[in-house]
Amino acid sequence: MKLPNRKNAIIEKRKLIYYLLSLTDEDGKSKAEYFRKVGFNETNLKDFEHALLTIASSNEVKTIEKSKFGIKYIVEGLMDSPTGKKFMVRIIWSIDKGKNNPRLVTAYHV
């Protein structure tokens, strides 16, 4: 199964800047260190967003978790980086109750 409504997936710019690429965010720091190491940063946010969306549209959902807030979908795949390195990434998407489009929750190297 593919991520539902993947063509309408939402990635908030602030999620990329202040979480996945933030070296000062307590929860995002280790993710930021890795993503920056492979070449993602504030100057190529569109490339980072495109790489995350490509994983969402090209790969099967690995796990589905239901909660009181909605449904989480875990998708894994090989991501291309600006340095030319390919690496395995796990991306968690959520379709919140009352919503139709998946939104990015987190992503990290596996």
Protein backbone atom coordinates (compact mmCIF):
# COMPACT_ATOMS: atom_id res chain seq x y z
CA MET A 1 0.00 0.00 0.00
CA LYS A 2 1.19 3.49 -0.86
CA LEU A 3 0.76 6.53 1.39
CA PRO A 4 -2.85 7.76 0.98
CA ASN A 5 -3.20 11.14 -0.74
CA ARG A 6 0.58 11.27 -1.19
CA LYS A 7 0.23 13.79 -4.02
CA ASN A 8 -1.15 16.24 -1.45
CA ALA A 9 1.40 15.53 1.28
CA ILE A 10 2.24 18.54 3.43
CA ILE A 11 5.74 19.46 4.54
CA GLU A 12 5.88 22.64 6.56
CA LYS A 13 8.95 24.74 5.83
CA ARG A 14 9.38 25.41 9.55
CA LYS A 15 9.49 21.64 10.19
CA LEU A 16 12.49 21.42 7.87
CA ILE A 17 14.30 24.51 9.18
CA TYR A 18 13.53 24.44 12.90
CA TYR A 19 13.46 20.67 13.42
CA LEU A 20 15.10 18.44 10.81
CA LEU A 21 17.93 20.90 10.06
CA SER A 22 18.18 22.56 13.48
CA LEU A 23 21.38 21.98 15.38
CA THR A 24 19.81 23.59 18.46
CA ASP A 25 16.50 21.68 18.64
CA GLU A 26 16.82 19.04 21.34
CA ASP A 27 14.82 16.43 19.42
CA GLY A 28 16.04 17.35 15.95
CA LYS A 29 19.76 17.87 16.56
CA SER A 30 20.91 14.33 15.74
CA LYS A 31 18.75 14.30 12.61
CA ALA A 32 20.11 17.71 11.59
CA GLU A 33 23.70 16.58 12.03
CA TYR A 34 23.13 13.70 9.63
CA PHE A 35 21.07 15.57 7.03
CA ARG A 36 23.61 18.40 7.00
CA LYS A 37 26.48 15.91 6.70
CA VAL A 38 24.96 14.56 3.47
CA GLY A 39 24.48 18.07 2.09
CA PHE A 40 21.01 19.29 3.02
CA ASN A 41 20.75 22.80 4.50
CA GLU A 42 18.73 26.03 4.31
CA THR A 43 20.02 26.82 0.82
CA ASN A 44 18.49 23.70 -0.74
CA LEU A 45 15.21 23.27 1.16
CA LYS A 46 13.32 22.56 -2.07
CA ASP A 47 15.69 19.68 -2.82
CA PHE A 48 15.22 18.33 0.71
CA GLU A 49 11.45 18.61 0.42
CA HIS A 50 11.52 16.94 -3.01
CA ALA A 51 13.64 14.06 -1.70
CA LEU A 52 11.20 13.46 1.18
CA LEU A 53 8.18 13.60 -1.13
CA THR A 54 9.86 11.22 -3.58
CA ILE A 55 10.20 8.62 -0.83
CA ALA A 56 6.52 9.11 0.06
CA SER A 57 5.35 8.66 -3.50
CA SER A 58 7.72 5.88 -4.59
CA ASN A 59 7.71 3.48 -1.65
CA GLU A 60 5.23 1.29 0.12
CA VAL A 61 3.98 2.01 3.62
CA LYS A 62 5.90 -0.23 5.98
CA THR A 63 3.80 0.26 9.14
CA ILE A 64 0.47 1.84 10.07
CA GLU A 65 -0.19 3.00 13.63
CA LYS A 66 -3.57 4.26 14.79
CA SER A 67 -3.86 6.71 17.68
CA LYS A 68 -6.46 9.01 19.18
CA PHE A 69 -5.06 11.81 16.97
CA GLY A 70 -5.23 9.99 13.64
CA ILE A 71 -3.17 7.50 11.66
CA LYS A 72 0.62 7.42 11.30
CA TYR A 73 2.21 5.91 8.22
CA ILE A 74 5.85 4.85 8.25
CA VAL A 75 7.59 4.82 4.87
CA GLU A 76 11.21 3.85 4.22
CA GLY A 77 13.33 4.25 1.14
CA LEU A 78 16.64 5.27 -0.37
CA MET A 79 17.12 9.02 -0.48
CA ASP A 80 19.46 10.85 -2.83
CA SER A 81 21.53 13.57 -1.19
CA PRO A 82 23.27 16.64 -2.60
CA THR A 83 26.64 14.97 -1.95
CA GLY A 84 25.62 12.09 -4.22
CA LYS A 85 25.31 9.68 -1.34
CA LYS A 86 22.24 7.44 -1.18
CA PHE A 87 21.02 6.50 2.26
CA MET A 88 18.08 4.76 3.87
CA VAL A 89 15.58 7.06 5.52
CA ARG A 90 12.46 6.42 7.58
CA ILE A 91 9.73 9.04 7.24
CA ILE A 92 6.70 9.24 9.47
CA TRP A 93 3.58 10.84 8.05
CA SER A 94 0.32 11.49 9.86
CA ILE A 95 -3.21 11.92 8.62
CA ASP A 96 -4.87 13.63 11.54
CA LYS A 97 -8.49 12.99 12.44
CA GLY A 98 -10.79 15.06 10.28
CA LYS A 99 -8.04 15.67 7.68
CA ASN A 100 -7.30 14.01 4.35
CA ASN A 101 -3.73 14.92 3.55
CA PRO A 102 -0.63 13.40 5.15
CA ARG A 103 1.72 15.77 6.94
CA LEU A 104 5.37 15.17 7.73
CA VAL A 105 5.97 14.27 11.37
CA THR A 106 9.66 13.34 11.25
CA ALA A 107 12.38 11.74 9.16
CA TYR A 108 15.67 10.15 10.05
CA HIS A 109 18.48 7.97 8.75
CA VAL A 110 18.02 4.25 9.41
